[in-house]
PDB file of N, CA and C in Angstrom:
ATOM      1  N   PRO A   1      71.013  45.448 160.197  1.00  0.00           N
ATOM      2  CA  PRO A   1      70.742  46.859 160.396  1.00  0.00           C
ATOM      3  C   PRO A   1      71.256  47.740 159.237  1.00  0.00           C
ATOM      4  N   HIS A   2      72.323  47.293 158.556  1.00  0.00           N
ATOM      5  CA  HIS A   2      72.930  48.194 157.532  1.00  0.00           C
ATOM      6  C   HIS A   2      72.078  48.292 156.295  1.00  0.00           C
ATOM      7  N   LYS A   3      71.046  47.433 156.216  1.00  0.00           N
ATOM      8  CA  LYS A   3      70.160  47.471 155.039  1.00  0.00           C
ATOM      9  C   LYS A   3      69.402  48.784 154.947  1.00  0.00           C
ATOM     10  N   ILE A   4      69.082  49.345 156.129  1.00  0.00           N
ATOM     11  CA  ILE A   4      68.187  50.551 156.154  1.00  0.00           C
ATOM     12  C   ILE A   4      68.683  51.645 155.249  1.00  0.00           C
ATOM     13  N   SER A   5      69.992  51.922 155.430  1.00  0.00           N
ATOM     14  CA  SER A   5      70.571  53.053 154.581  1.00  0.00           C
ATOM     15  C   SER A   5      70.468  52.752 153.126  1.00  0.00           C
ATOM     16  N   GLU A   6      70.592  51.517 152.704  1.00  0.00           N
ATOM     17  CA  GLU A   6      70.494  51.192 151.278  1.00  0.00           C
ATOM     18  C   GLU A   6      69.085  51.448 150.827  1.00  0.00           C
ATOM     19  N   ASP A   7      68.070  50.999 151.626  1.00  0.00           N
ATOM     20  CA  ASP A   7      66.679  51.220 151.250  1.00  0.00           C
ATOM     21  C   ASP A   7      66.400  52.728 151.186  1.00  0.00           C
ATOM     22  N   LEU A   8      66.933  53.426 152.168  1.00  0.00           N
ATOM     23  CA  LEU A   8      66.674  54.911 152.178  1.00  0.00           C
ATOM     24  C   LEU A   8      67.268  55.535 150.912  1.00  0.00           C
ATOM     25  N   ALA A   9      68.458  55.109 150.558  1.00  0.00           N
ATOM     26  CA  ALA A   9      69.104  55.658 149.328  1.00  0.00           C
ATOM     27  C   ALA A   9      68.264  55.428 148.133  1.00  0.00           C
ATOM     28  N   LYS A  10      67.670  54.209 148.044  1.00  0.00           N
ATOM     29  CA  LYS A  10      66.768  53.860 146.919  1.00  0.00           C
ATOM     30  C   LYS A  10      65.548  54.788 146.926  1.00  0.00           C
ATOM     31  N   GLN A  11      64.962  54.970 148.131  1.00  0.00           N
ATOM     32  CA  GLN A  11      63.760  55.802 148.252  1.00  0.00           C
ATOM     33  C   GLN A  11      64.038  57.238 147.843  1.00  0.00           C
ATOM     34  N   LEU A  12      65.243  57.677 148.347  1.00  0.00           N
ATOM     35  CA  LEU A  12      65.663  58.997 148.021  1.00  0.00           C
ATOM     36  C   LEU A  12      65.740  59.239 146.566  1.00  0.00           C
ATOM     37  N   ALA A  13      66.331  58.309 145.824  1.00  0.00           N
ATOM     38  CA  ALA A  13      66.466  58.369 144.376  1.00  0.00           C
ATOM     39  C   ALA A  13      65.099  58.444 143.719  1.00  0.00           C
ATOM     40  N   SER A  14      64.099  57.637 144.216  1.00  0.00           N
ATOM     41  CA  SER A  14      62.828  57.658 143.581  1.00  0.00           C
ATOM     42  C   SER A  14      62.018  58.959 143.887  1.00  0.00           C
ATOM     43  N   TYR A  15      62.261  59.484 145.080  1.00  0.00           N
ATOM     44  CA  TYR A  15      61.647  60.774 145.401  1.00  0.00           C
ATOM     45  C   TYR A  15      62.161  61.884 144.482  1.00  0.00           C
ATOM     46  N   LYS A  16      63.501  61.854 144.242  1.00  0.00           N
ATOM     47  CA  LYS A  16      64.102  62.864 143.406  1.00  0.00           C
ATOM     48  C   LYS A  16      63.569  62.751 141.980  1.00  0.00           C
ATOM     49  N   THR A  17      63.399  61.486 141.509  1.00  0.00           N
ATOM     50  CA  THR A  17      62.793  61.344 140.148  1.00  0.00           C
ATOM     51  C   THR A  17      61.412  61.917 140.119  1.00  0.00           C
ATOM     52  N   GLN A  18      60.602  61.623 141.150  1.00  0.00           N
ATOM     53  CA  GLN A  18      59.247  62.186 141.227  1.00  0.00           C
ATOM     54  C   GLN A  18      59.218  63.703 141.225  1.00  0.00           C
ATOM     55  N   LEU A  19      60.208  64.261 141.995  1.00  0.00           N
ATOM     56  CA  LEU A  19      60.286  65.732 142.077  1.00  0.00           C
ATOM     57  C   LEU A  19      60.595  66.290 140.731  1.00  0.00           C
ATOM     58  N   GLN A  20      61.509  65.646 139.997  1.00  0.00           N
ATOM     59  CA  GLN A  20      61.843  66.117 138.640  1.00  0.00           C
ATOM     60  C   GLN A  20      60.641  66.140 137.731  1.00  0.00           C
ATOM     61  N   GLN A  21      59.846  65.049 137.892  1.00  0.00           N
ATOM     62  CA  GLN A  21      58.632  64.945 137.059  1.00  0.00           C
ATOM     63  C   GLN A  21      57.630  66.077 137.398  1.00  0.00           C
ATOM     64  N   VAL A  22      57.522  66.339 138.702  1.00  0.00           N
ATOM     65  CA  VAL A  22      56.578  67.376 139.157  1.00  0.00           C
ATOM     66  C   VAL A  22      57.079  68.768 138.624  1.00  0.00           C
ATOM     67  N   GLU A  23      58.366  68.966 138.758  1.00  0.00           N
ATOM     68  CA  GLU A  23      58.965  70.264 138.336  1.00  0.00           C
ATOM     69  C   GLU A  23      58.735  70.423 136.790  1.00  0.00           C
ATOM     70  N   ALA A  24      58.928  69.322 136.087  1.00  0.00           N
ATOM     71  CA  ALA A  24      58.691  69.361 134.633  1.00  0.00           C
ATOM     72  C   ALA A  24      57.244  69.722 134.322  1.00  0.00           C
ATOM     73  N   ALA A  25      56.339  69.060 135.060  1.00  0.00           N
ATOM     74  CA  ALA A  25      54.913  69.376 134.867  1.00  0.00           C
ATOM     75  C   ALA A  25      54.617  70.827 135.180  1.00  0.00           C
ATOM     76  N   LEU A  26      55.266  71.355 136.265  1.00  0.00           N
ATOM     77  CA  LEU A  26      55.011  72.696 136.691  1.00  0.00           C
ATOM     78  C   LEU A  26      55.552  73.752 135.667  1.00  0.00           C
ATOM     79  N   SER A  27      56.607  73.330 134.979  1.00  0.00           N
ATOM     80  CA  SER A  27      57.193  74.277 133.996  1.00  0.00           C
ATOM     81  C   SER A  27      56.159  74.621 132.947  1.00  0.00           C
ATOM     82  N   GLY A  28      55.262  73.663 132.625  1.00  0.00           N
ATOM     83  CA  GLY A  28      54.240  73.943 131.628  1.00  0.00           C
ATOM     84  C   GLY A  28      52.963  74.475 132.293  1.00  0.00           C
ATOM     85  N   ASN A  29      52.933  74.420 133.656  1.00  0.00           N
ATOM     86  CA  ASN A  29      51.663  74.769 134.323  1.00  0.00           C
ATOM     87  C   ASN A  29      52.018  75.264 135.730  1.00  0.00           C
ATOM     88  N   GLY A  30      52.676  76.378 135.795  1.00  0.00           N
ATOM     89  CA  GLY A  30      53.320  76.835 137.102  1.00  0.00           C
ATOM     90  C   GLY A  30      52.405  77.110 138.216  1.00  0.00           C
ATOM     91  N   GLU A  31      51.033  77.272 137.978  1.00  0.00           N
ATOM     92  CA  GLU A  31      50.171  77.663 139.037  1.00  0.00           C
ATOM     93  C   GLU A  31      49.275  76.508 139.542  1.00  0.00           C
ATOM     94  N   ASN A  32      49.600  75.301 139.180  1.00  0.00           N
ATOM     95  CA  ASN A  32      48.778  74.159 139.529  1.00  0.00           C
ATOM     96  C   ASN A  32      48.956  73.839 141.032  1.00  0.00           C
ATOM     97  N   GLU A  33      47.909  74.106 141.840  1.00  0.00           N
ATOM     98  CA  GLU A  33      48.062  73.979 143.315  1.00  0.00           C
ATOM     99  C   GLU A  33      48.387  72.538 143.732  1.00  0.00           C
ATOM    100  N   ASP A  34      47.797  71.554 143.122  1.00  0.00           N
ATOM    101  CA  ASP A  34      48.101  70.173 143.467  1.00  0.00           C
ATOM    102  C   ASP A  34      49.579  69.889 143.211  1.00  0.00           C
ATOM    103  N   LEU A  35      50.059  70.293 142.080  1.00  0.00           N
ATOM    104  CA  LEU A  35      51.489  70.061 141.775  1.00  0.00           C
ATOM    105  C   LEU A  35      52.380  70.814 142.764  1.00  0.00           C
ATOM    106  N   LEU A  36      52.027  72.075 143.021  1.00  0.00           N
ATOM    107  CA  LEU A  36      52.836  72.863 143.951  1.00  0.00           C
ATOM    108  C   LEU A  36      52.891  72.205 145.304  1.00  0.00           C
ATOM    109  N   LYS A  37      51.775  71.687 145.787  1.00  0.00           N
ATOM    110  CA  LYS A  37      51.704  71.032 147.097  1.00  0.00           C
ATOM    111  C   LYS A  37      52.534  69.759 147.027  1.00  0.00           C
ATOM    112  N   LEU A  38      52.411  68.983 145.925  1.00  0.00           N
ATOM    113  CA  LEU A  38      53.175  67.755 145.766  1.00  0.00           C
ATOM    114  C   LEU A  38      54.635  68.053 145.780  1.00  0.00           C
ATOM    115  N   LYS A  39      55.006  69.146 145.133  1.00  0.00           N
ATOM    116  CA  LYS A  39      56.428  69.507 145.054  1.00  0.00           C
ATOM    117  C   LYS A  39      56.950  69.793 146.489  1.00  0.00           C
ATOM    118  N   LYS A  40      56.199  70.553 147.247  1.00  0.00           N
ATOM    119  CA  LYS A  40      56.560  70.867 148.629  1.00  0.00           C
ATOM    120  C   LYS A  40      56.692  69.577 149.467  1.00  0.00           C
ATOM    121  N   ASP A  41      55.680  68.699 149.332  1.00  0.00           N
ATOM    122  CA  ASP A  41      55.747  67.468 150.070  1.00  0.00           C
ATOM    123  C   ASP A  41      56.999  66.640 149.711  1.00  0.00           C
ATOM    124  N   LEU A  42      57.266  66.581 148.430  1.00  0.00           N
ATOM    125  CA  LEU A  42      58.417  65.787 147.991  1.00  0.00           C
ATOM    126  C   LEU A  42      59.744  66.414 148.505  1.00  0.00           C
ATOM    127  N   GLN A  43      59.810  67.738 148.496  1.00  0.00           N
ATOM    128  CA  GLN A  43      61.025  68.389 148.978  1.00  0.00           C
ATOM    129  C   GLN A  43      61.179  68.079 150.475  1.00  0.00           C
ATOM    130  N   GLU A  44      60.052  68.073 151.241  1.00  0.00           N
ATOM    131  CA  GLU A  44      60.137  67.759 152.621  1.00  0.00           C
ATOM    132  C   GLU A  44      60.605  66.362 152.856  1.00  0.00           C
ATOM    133  N   VAL A  45      60.009  65.402 152.095  1.00  0.00           N
ATOM    134  CA  VAL A  45      60.335  64.021 152.313  1.00  0.00           C
ATOM    135  C   VAL A  45      61.793  63.702 151.932  1.00  0.00           C
ATOM    136  N   ILE A  46      62.309  64.469 150.894  1.00  0.00           N
ATOM    137  CA  ILE A  46      63.662  64.272 150.504  1.00  0.00           C
ATOM    138  C   ILE A  46      64.591  64.769 151.604  1.00  0.00           C
ATOM    139  N   GLU A  47      64.277  65.935 152.186  1.00  0.00           N
ATOM    140  CA  GLU A  47      65.070  66.437 153.310  1.00  0.00           C
ATOM    141  C   GLU A  47      65.062  65.424 154.519  1.00  0.00           C
ATOM    142  N   LEU A  48      63.874  64.918 154.818  1.00  0.00           N
ATOM    143  CA  LEU A  48      63.783  63.968 155.912  1.00  0.00           C
ATOM    144  C   LEU A  48      64.588  62.732 155.640  1.00  0.00           C
ATOM    145  N   THR A  49      64.502  62.245 154.413  1.00  0.00           N
ATOM    146  CA  THR A  49      65.232  61.021 154.086  1.00  0.00           C
ATOM    147  C   THR A  49      66.738  61.293 154.154  1.00  0.00           C
ATOM    148  N   LYS A  50      67.157  62.493 153.665  1.00  0.00           N
ATOM    149  CA  LYS A  50      68.577  62.830 153.748  1.00  0.00           C
ATOM    150  C   LYS A  50      69.037  62.855 155.215  1.00  0.00           C
ATOM    151  N   ASP A  51      68.158  63.453 156.107  1.00  0.00           N
ATOM    152  CA  ASP A  51      68.498  63.527 157.530  1.00  0.00           C
ATOM    153  C   ASP A  51      68.686  62.098 158.080  1.00  0.00           C
ATOM    154  N   LEU A  52      67.727  61.219 157.708  1.00  0.00           N
ATOM    155  CA  LEU A  52      67.780  59.834 158.208  1.00  0.00           C
ATOM    156  C   LEU A  52      69.040  59.160 157.741  1.00  0.00           C
ATOM    157  N   LEU A  53      69.416  59.460 156.459  1.00  0.00           N
ATOM    158  CA  LEU A  53      70.605  58.816 155.952  1.00  0.00           C
ATOM    159  C   LEU A  53      71.872  59.287 156.691  1.00  0.00           C
ATOM    160  N   SER A  54      71.868  60.615 156.960  1.00  0.00           N
ATOM    161  CA  SER A  54      73.054  61.146 157.621  1.00  0.00           C
ATOM    162  C   SER A  54      73.136  60.697 159.078  1.00  0.00           C
ATOM    163  N   THR A  55      71.989  60.327 159.688  1.00  0.00           N
ATOM    164  CA  THR A  55      72.042  59.880 161.096  1.00  0.00           C
ATOM    165  C   THR A  55      72.248  58.396 161.195  1.00  0.00           C
ATOM    166  N   GLN A  56      72.213  57.682 160.091  1.00  0.00           N
ATOM    167  CA  GLN A  56      72.490  56.237 160.133  1.00  0.00           C
ATOM    168  C   GLN A  56      73.903  56.036 160.687  1.00  0.00           C
ATOM    169  N   PRO A  57      74.032  55.312 161.781  1.00  0.00           N
ATOM    170  CA  PRO A  57      75.379  55.125 162.308  1.00  0.00           C
ATOM    171  C   PRO A  57      76.302  54.521 161.275  1.00  0.00           C
ATOM    172  N   SER A  58      77.453  55.070 161.095  1.00  0.00           N
ATOM    173  CA  SER A  58      78.313  54.632 160.031  1.00  0.00           C
ATOM    174  C   SER A  58      79.004  53.282 160.484  1.00  0.00           C
ATOM    175  N   GLU A  59      79.004  52.986 161.758  1.00  0.00           N
ATOM    176  CA  GLU A  59      79.693  51.745 162.179  1.00  0.00           C
ATOM    177  C   GLU A  59      78.949  50.552 161.641  1.00  0.00           C
ATOM    178  N   THR A  60      77.607  50.659 161.407  1.00  0.00           N
ATOM    179  CA  THR A  60      76.913  49.472 160.876  1.00  0.00           C
ATOM    180  C   THR A  60      77.462  49.182 159.472  1.00  0.00           C
ATOM    181  N   LEU A  61      77.738  50.257 158.720  1.00  0.00           N
ATOM    182  CA  LEU A  61      78.276  50.014 157.400  1.00  0.00           C
ATOM    183  C   LEU A  61      79.689  49.427 157.512  1.00  0.00           C
ATOM    184  N   ALA A  62      80.493  50.050 158.395  1.00  0.00           N
ATOM    185  CA  ALA A  62      81.871  49.579 158.552  1.00  0.00           C
ATOM    186  C   ALA A  62      81.920  48.113 158.941  1.00  0.00           C
ATOM    187  N   SER A  63      81.049  47.747 159.916  1.00  0.00           N
ATOM    188  CA  SER A  63      81.096  46.395 160.434  1.00  0.00           C
ATOM    189  C   SER A  63      80.666  45.385 159.322  1.00  0.00           C
ATOM    190  N   SER A  64      79.686  45.795 158.495  1.00  0.00           N
ATOM    191  CA  SER A  64      79.320  44.828 157.473  1.00  0.00           C
ATOM    192  C   SER A  64      80.398  44.658 156.404  1.00  0.00           C
ATOM    193  N   ASP A  65      81.210  45.723 156.150  1.00  0.00           N
ATOM    194  CA  ASP A  65      82.281  45.611 155.239  1.00  0.00           C
ATOM    195  C   ASP A  65      83.355  44.679 155.778  1.00  0.00           C
ATOM    196  N   SER A  66      83.720  44.910 157.065  1.00  0.00           N
ATOM    197  CA  SER A  66      84.834  44.049 157.594  1.00  0.00           C
ATOM    198  C   SER A  66      84.265  42.608 157.690  1.00  0.00           C
ATOM    199  N   PHE A  67      82.990  42.504 157.944  1.00  0.00           N
ATOM    200  CA  PHE A  67      82.397  41.115 157.979  1.00  0.00           C
ATOM    201  C   PHE A  67      82.604  40.443 156.649  1.00  0.00           C
ATOM    202  N   ALA A  68      82.311  41.214 155.558  1.00  0.00           N
ATOM    203  CA  ALA A  68      82.503  40.608 154.219  1.00  0.00           C
ATOM    204  C   ALA A  68      83.932  40.201 153.951  1.00  0.00           C
ATOM    205  N   SER A  69      84.864  41.072 154.354  1.00  0.00           N
ATOM    206  CA  SER A  69      86.269  40.834 153.999  1.00  0.00           C
ATOM    207  C   SER A  69      86.943  39.762 154.888  1.00  0.00           C
ATOM    208  N   THR A  70      86.408  39.600 156.181  1.00  0.00           N
ATOM    209  CA  THR A  70      87.047  38.625 157.040  1.00  0.00           C
ATOM    210  C   THR A  70      86.548  37.200 156.713  1.00  0.00           C
ATOM    211  N   GLN A  71      85.365  37.126 156.040  1.00  0.00           N
ATOM    212  CA  GLN A  71      84.847  35.829 155.738  1.00  0.00           C
ATOM    213  C   GLN A  71      85.626  35.285 154.561  1.00  0.00           C
ATOM    214  N   PRO A  72      85.991  33.977 154.631  1.00  0.00           N
ATOM    215  CA  PRO A  72      86.662  33.413 153.485  1.00  0.00           C
ATOM    216  C   PRO A  72      85.583  33.398 152.325  1.00  0.00           C
ATOM    217  N   THR A  73      86.014  33.728 151.120  1.00  0.00           N
ATOM    218  CA  THR A  73      85.081  33.741 150.026  1.00  0.00           C
ATOM    219  C   THR A  73      84.648  32.283 149.778  1.00  0.00           C
ATOM    220  N   HIS A  74      83.365  32.074 149.848  1.00  0.00           N
ATOM    221  CA  HIS A  74      82.830  30.695 149.608  1.00  0.00           C
ATOM    222  C   HIS A  74      83.044  30.350 148.136  1.00  0.00           C
ATOM    223  N   SER A  75      83.535  29.234 147.818  1.00  0.00           N
ATOM    224  CA  SER A  75      83.620  28.919 146.407  1.00  0.00           C
ATOM    225  C   SER A  75      82.357  28.243 145.985  1.00  0.00           C
ATOM    226  N   TRP A  76      81.588  28.957 145.270  1.00  0.00           N
ATOM    227  CA  TRP A  76      80.228  28.435 144.853  1.00  0.00           C
ATOM    228  C   TRP A  76      80.339  27.629 143.615  1.00  0.00           C
ATOM    229  N   LYS A  77      79.540  26.543 143.572  1.00  0.00           N
ATOM    230  CA  LYS A  77      79.510  25.692 142.415  1.00  0.00           C
ATOM    231  C   LYS A  77      78.103  25.661 141.913  1.00  0.00           C
ATOM    232  N   VAL A  78      77.958  25.388 140.611  1.00  0.00           N
ATOM    233  CA  VAL A  78      76.645  25.304 139.959  1.00  0.00           C
ATOM    234  C   VAL A  78      75.863  24.255 140.681  1.00  0.00           C
ATOM    235  N   GLY A  79      74.585  24.595 140.991  1.00  0.00           N
ATOM    236  CA  GLY A  79      73.713  23.641 141.683  1.00  0.00           C
ATOM    237  C   GLY A  79      73.736  23.814 143.183  1.00  0.00           C
ATOM    238  N   ASP A  80      74.653  24.625 143.715  1.00  0.00           N
ATOM    239  CA  ASP A  80      74.717  24.886 145.169  1.00  0.00           C
ATOM    240  C   ASP A  80      73.431  25.685 145.571  1.00  0.00           C
ATOM    241  N   LYS A  81      72.958  25.309 146.744  1.00  0.00           N
ATOM    242  CA  LYS A  81      71.853  26.073 147.381  1.00  0.00           C
ATOM    243  C   LYS A  81      72.523  27.219 148.187  1.00  0.00           C
ATOM    244  N   CYS A  82      71.844  28.392 148.171  1.00  0.00           N
ATOM    245  CA  CYS A  82      72.437  29.500 148.902  1.00  0.00           C
ATOM    246  C   CYS A  82      71.323  30.406 149.371  1.00  0.00           C
ATOM    247  N   MET A  83      71.593  31.323 150.236  1.00  0.00           N
ATOM    248  CA  MET A  83      70.699  32.440 150.579  1.00  0.00           C
ATOM    249  C   MET A  83      71.179  33.684 149.777  1.00  0.00           C
ATOM    250  N   ALA A  84      70.215  34.323 149.104  1.00  0.00           N
ATOM    251  CA  ALA A  84      70.640  35.468 148.300  1.00  0.00           C
ATOM    252  C   ALA A  84      69.669  36.609 148.497  1.00  0.00           C
ATOM    253  N   ILE A  85      70.222  37.821 148.367  1.00  0.00           N
ATOM    254  CA  ILE A  85      69.407  39.014 148.529  1.00  0.00           C
ATOM    255  C   ILE A  85      68.660  39.319 147.178  1.00  0.00           C
ATOM    256  N   TRP A  86      67.378  39.442 147.247  1.00  0.00           N
ATOM    257  CA  TRP A  86      66.621  39.815 146.030  1.00  0.00           C
ATOM    258  C   TRP A  86      66.617  41.327 145.918  1.00  0.00           C
ATOM    259  N   SER A  87      67.068  41.855 144.804  1.00  0.00           N
ATOM    260  CA  SER A  87      67.221  43.310 144.661  1.00  0.00           C
ATOM    261  C   SER A  87      65.923  44.026 144.773  1.00  0.00           C
ATOM    262  N   GLU A  88      64.768  43.387 144.479  1.00  0.00           N
ATOM    263  CA  GLU A  88      63.460  44.086 144.560  1.00  0.00           C
ATOM    264  C   GLU A  88      63.134  44.561 145.954  1.00  0.00           C
ATOM    265  N   ASP A  89      63.404  43.708 146.966  1.00  0.00           N
ATOM    266  CA  ASP A  89      62.951  44.048 148.272  1.00  0.00           C
ATOM    267  C   ASP A  89      64.076  44.022 149.348  1.00  0.00           C
ATOM    268  N   GLY A  90      65.271  43.574 148.938  1.00  0.00           N
ATOM    269  CA  GLY A  90      66.398  43.590 149.876  1.00  0.00           C
ATOM    270  C   GLY A  90      66.313  42.459 150.870  1.00  0.00           C
ATOM    271  N   GLN A  91      65.437  41.540 150.690  1.00  0.00           N
ATOM    272  CA  GLN A  91      65.267  40.399 151.618  1.00  0.00           C
ATOM    273  C   GLN A  91      66.052  39.219 151.126  1.00  0.00           C
ATOM    274  N   CYS A  92      66.378  38.340 152.095  1.00  0.00           N
ATOM    275  CA  CYS A  92      67.096  37.101 151.742  1.00  0.00           C
ATOM    276  C   CYS A  92      66.117  35.949 151.398  1.00  0.00           C
ATOM    277  N   TYR A  93      66.443  35.244 150.355  1.00  0.00           N
ATOM    278  CA  TYR A  93      65.631  34.107 149.987  1.00  0.00           C
ATOM    279  C   TYR A  93      66.566  32.937 149.576  1.00  0.00           C
ATOM    280  N   GLU A  94      66.014  31.757 149.668  1.00  0.00           N
ATOM    281  CA  GLU A  94      66.807  30.564 149.256  1.00  0.00           C
ATOM    282  C   GLU A  94      66.856  30.587 147.736  1.00  0.00           C
ATOM    283  N   ALA A  95      68.053  30.276 147.193  1.00  0.00           N
ATOM    284  CA  ALA A  95      68.249  30.302 145.748  1.00  0.00           C
ATOM    285  C   ALA A  95      69.186  29.125 145.374  1.00  0.00           C
ATOM    286  N   GLU A  96      69.335  28.951 144.093  1.00  0.00           N
ATOM    287  CA  GLU A  96      70.232  27.924 143.607  1.00  0.00           C
ATOM    288  C   GLU A  96      71.116  28.575 142.525  1.00  0.00           C
ATOM    289  N   ILE A  97      72.413  28.185 142.589  1.00  0.00           N
ATOM    290  CA  ILE A  97      73.362  28.709 141.606  1.00  0.00           C
ATOM    291  C   ILE A  97      73.154  28.069 140.236  1.00  0.00           C
ATOM    292  N   GLU A  98      72.905  28.877 139.244  1.00  0.00           N
ATOM    293  CA  GLU A  98      72.765  28.392 137.859  1.00  0.00           C
ATOM    294  C   GLU A  98      74.118  28.375 137.129  1.00  0.00           C
ATOM    295  N   GLU A  99      74.889  29.435 137.297  1.00  0.00           N
ATOM    296  CA  GLU A  99      76.217  29.485 136.691  1.00  0.00           C
ATOM    297  C   GLU A  99      77.055  30.508 137.466  1.00  0.00           C
ATOM    298  N   THR A 100      78.356  30.315 137.427  1.00  0.00           N
ATOM    299  CA  THR A 100      79.296  31.279 138.056  1.00  0.00           C
ATOM    300  C   THR A 100      80.172  31.853 137.006  1.00  0.00           C
ATOM    301  N   ASP A 101      80.449  33.092 137.078  1.00  0.00           N
ATOM    302  CA  ASP A 101      81.310  33.781 136.111  1.00  0.00           C
ATOM    303  C   ASP A 101      82.496  34.382 136.870  1.00  0.00           C
ATOM    304  N   GLU A 102      83.583  33.580 136.945  1.00  0.00           N
ATOM    305  CA  GLU A 102      84.743  34.007 137.707  1.00  0.00           C
ATOM    306  C   GLU A 102      85.289  35.306 137.169  1.00  0.00           C
ATOM    307  N   GLU A 103      85.319  35.440 135.862  1.00  0.00           N
ATOM    308  CA  GLU A 103      85.950  36.558 135.257  1.00  0.00           C
ATOM    309  C   GLU A 103      85.278  37.908 135.684  1.00  0.00           C
ATOM    310  N   ASN A 104      83.910  37.944 135.671  1.00  0.00           N
ATOM    311  CA  ASN A 104      83.212  39.164 136.066  1.00  0.00           C
ATOM    312  C   ASN A 104      82.919  39.127 137.579  1.00  0.00           C
ATOM    313  N   GLY A 105      83.259  38.016 138.224  1.00  0.00           N
ATOM    314  CA  GLY A 105      82.952  37.980 139.629  1.00  0.00           C
ATOM    315  C   GLY A 105      81.444  37.984 139.941  1.00  0.00           C
ATOM    316  N   THR A 106      80.670  37.303 139.105  1.00  0.00           N
ATOM    317  CA  THR A 106      79.233  37.268 139.386  1.00  0.00           C
ATOM    318  C   THR A 106      78.719  35.836 139.353  1.00  0.00           C
ATOM    319  N   ALA A 107      77.524  35.639 139.922  1.00  0.00           N
ATOM    320  CA  ALA A 107      76.912  34.323 139.884  1.00  0.00           C
ATOM    321  C   ALA A 107      75.456  34.534 139.442  1.00  0.00           C
ATOM    322  N   ALA A 108      74.991  33.654 138.518  1.00  0.00           N
ATOM    323  CA  ALA A 108      73.593  33.692 138.166  1.00  0.00           C
ATOM    324  C   ALA A 108      72.814  32.713 139.058  1.00  0.00           C
ATOM    325  N   ILE A 109      71.743  33.234 139.658  1.00  0.00           N
ATOM    326  CA  ILE A 109      71.000  32.442 140.610  1.00  0.00           C
ATOM    327  C   ILE A 109      69.547  32.426 140.247  1.00  0.00           C
ATOM    328  N   THR A 110      68.792  31.398 140.693  1.00  0.00           N
ATOM    329  CA  THR A 110      67.352  31.373 140.567  1.00  0.00           C
ATOM    330  C   THR A 110      66.793  31.207 141.915  1.00  0.00           C
ATOM    331  N   PHE A 111      65.772  32.014 142.272  1.00  0.00           N
ATOM    332  CA  PHE A 111      65.174  31.929 143.631  1.00  0.00           C
ATOM    333  C   PHE A 111      64.276  30.711 143.689  1.00  0.00           C
ATOM    334  N   ALA A 112      64.478  29.894 144.700  1.00  0.00           N
ATOM    335  CA  ALA A 112      63.697  28.668 144.929  1.00  0.00           C
ATOM    336  C   ALA A 112      62.212  29.044 145.169  1.00  0.00           C
ATOM    337  N   GLY A 113      61.346  28.384 144.432  1.00  0.00           N
ATOM    338  CA  GLY A 113      59.916  28.639 144.683  1.00  0.00           C
ATOM    339  C   GLY A 113      59.372  29.858 144.008  1.00  0.00           C
ATOM    340  N   TYR A 114      60.271  30.736 143.476  1.00  0.00           N
ATOM    341  CA  TYR A 114      59.785  31.968 142.849  1.00  0.00           C
ATOM    342  C   TYR A 114      60.133  31.949 141.326  1.00  0.00           C
ATOM    343  N   GLY A 115      61.239  31.363 140.993  1.00  0.00           N
ATOM    344  CA  GLY A 115      61.600  31.251 139.594  1.00  0.00           C
ATOM    345  C   GLY A 115      62.264  32.524 139.076  1.00  0.00           C
ATOM    346  N   ASN A 116      62.429  33.552 139.978  1.00  0.00           N
ATOM    347  CA  ASN A 116      63.060  34.779 139.531  1.00  0.00           C
ATOM    348  C   ASN A 116      64.588  34.521 139.424  1.00  0.00           C
ATOM    349  N   ALA A 117      65.208  35.024 138.364  1.00  0.00           N
ATOM    350  CA  ALA A 117      66.629  34.903 138.201  1.00  0.00           C
ATOM    351  C   ALA A 117      67.321  36.177 138.434  1.00  0.00           C
ATOM    352  N   GLU A 118      68.475  36.129 139.029  1.00  0.00           N
ATOM    353  CA  GLU A 118      69.300  37.352 139.205  1.00  0.00           C
ATOM    354  C   GLU A 118      70.736  37.076 138.901  1.00  0.00           C
ATOM    355  N   VAL A 119      71.520  38.058 138.510  1.00  0.00           N
ATOM    356  CA  VAL A 119      72.971  37.930 138.481  1.00  0.00           C
ATOM    357  C   VAL A 119      73.468  38.812 139.596  1.00  0.00           C
ATOM    358  N   THR A 120      74.306  38.249 140.397  1.00  0.00           N
ATOM    359  CA  THR A 120      74.711  38.980 141.670  1.00  0.00           C
ATOM    360  C   THR A 120      76.184  38.635 141.990  1.00  0.00           C
ATOM    361  N   PRO A 121      76.881  39.570 142.635  1.00  0.00           N
ATOM    362  CA  PRO A 121      78.207  39.280 143.092  1.00  0.00           C
ATOM    363  C   PRO A 121      78.099  38.175 144.199  1.00  0.00           C
ATOM    364  N   PRO A 122      79.005  37.198 144.209  1.00  0.00           N
ATOM    365  CA  PRO A 122      78.958  36.130 145.156  1.00  0.00           C
ATOM    366  C   PRO A 122      78.998  36.622 146.602  1.00  0.00           C
ATOM    367  N   LEU A 123      79.513  37.828 146.842  1.00  0.00           N
ATOM    368  CA  LEU A 123      79.512  38.391 148.178  1.00  0.00           C
ATOM    369  C   LEU A 123      78.089  38.512 148.728  1.00  0.00           C
ATOM    370  N   ASN A 124      77.092  38.655 147.866  1.00  0.00           N
ATOM    371  CA  ASN A 124      75.704  38.768 148.285  1.00  0.00           C
ATOM    372  C   ASN A 124      75.067  37.434 148.587  1.00  0.00           C
ATOM    373  N   LEU A 125      75.880  36.330 148.398  1.00  0.00           N
ATOM    374  CA  LEU A 125      75.298  35.031 148.668  1.00  0.00           C
ATOM    375  C   LEU A 125      75.856  34.539 150.043  1.00  0.00           C
ATOM    376  N   LYS A 126      74.946  33.830 150.723  1.00  0.00           N
ATOM    377  CA  LYS A 126      75.341  33.186 151.966  1.00  0.00           C
ATOM    378  C   LYS A 126      75.047  31.729 151.926  1.00  0.00           C
ATOM    379  N   PRO A 127      75.816  30.883 152.572  1.00  0.00           N
ATOM    380  CA  PRO A 127      75.510  29.482 152.612  1.00  0.00           C
ATOM    381  C   PRO A 127      74.177  29.312 153.369  1.00  0.00           C
ATOM    382  N   VAL A 128      73.362  28.337 152.991  1.00  0.00           N
ATOM    383  CA  VAL A 128      72.077  28.110 153.692  1.00  0.00           C
ATOM    384  C   VAL A 128      72.488  27.551 155.104  1.00  0.00           C
ATOM    385  N   GLU A 129      71.888  28.169 156.143  1.00  0.00           N
ATOM    386  CA  GLU A 129      72.239  27.693 157.512  1.00  0.00           C
ATOM    387  C   GLU A 129      71.788  26.274 157.706  1.00  0.00           C
TER     388      GLU A 129
END
């Protein structure tokens, strides 16, 4: 459940970027009705998203943090299979550890069957059930 607020935060950031682009376009063309409507829609959706974010129960965030800290840190080895979150969609997929970087606290993984590679903190990895 705690994923929702992360997704909302990402959406909020992209809405704000769109709003900036619309405002930039409006500065050169202040009377464009389509842009003005788009700006209003974006402002509404930003407010709605902020409301949603503020109503997200904070205990889901707290419980996921304590969950992470109470779990013994799995010592990952190169070649280990794991479940990892793909940053593009926030979903978990099976992956394989390509290398671990103790110094930076990261692991390079490749998603099985997709070939996408990511560098991620080992906290984002779970053992395959």
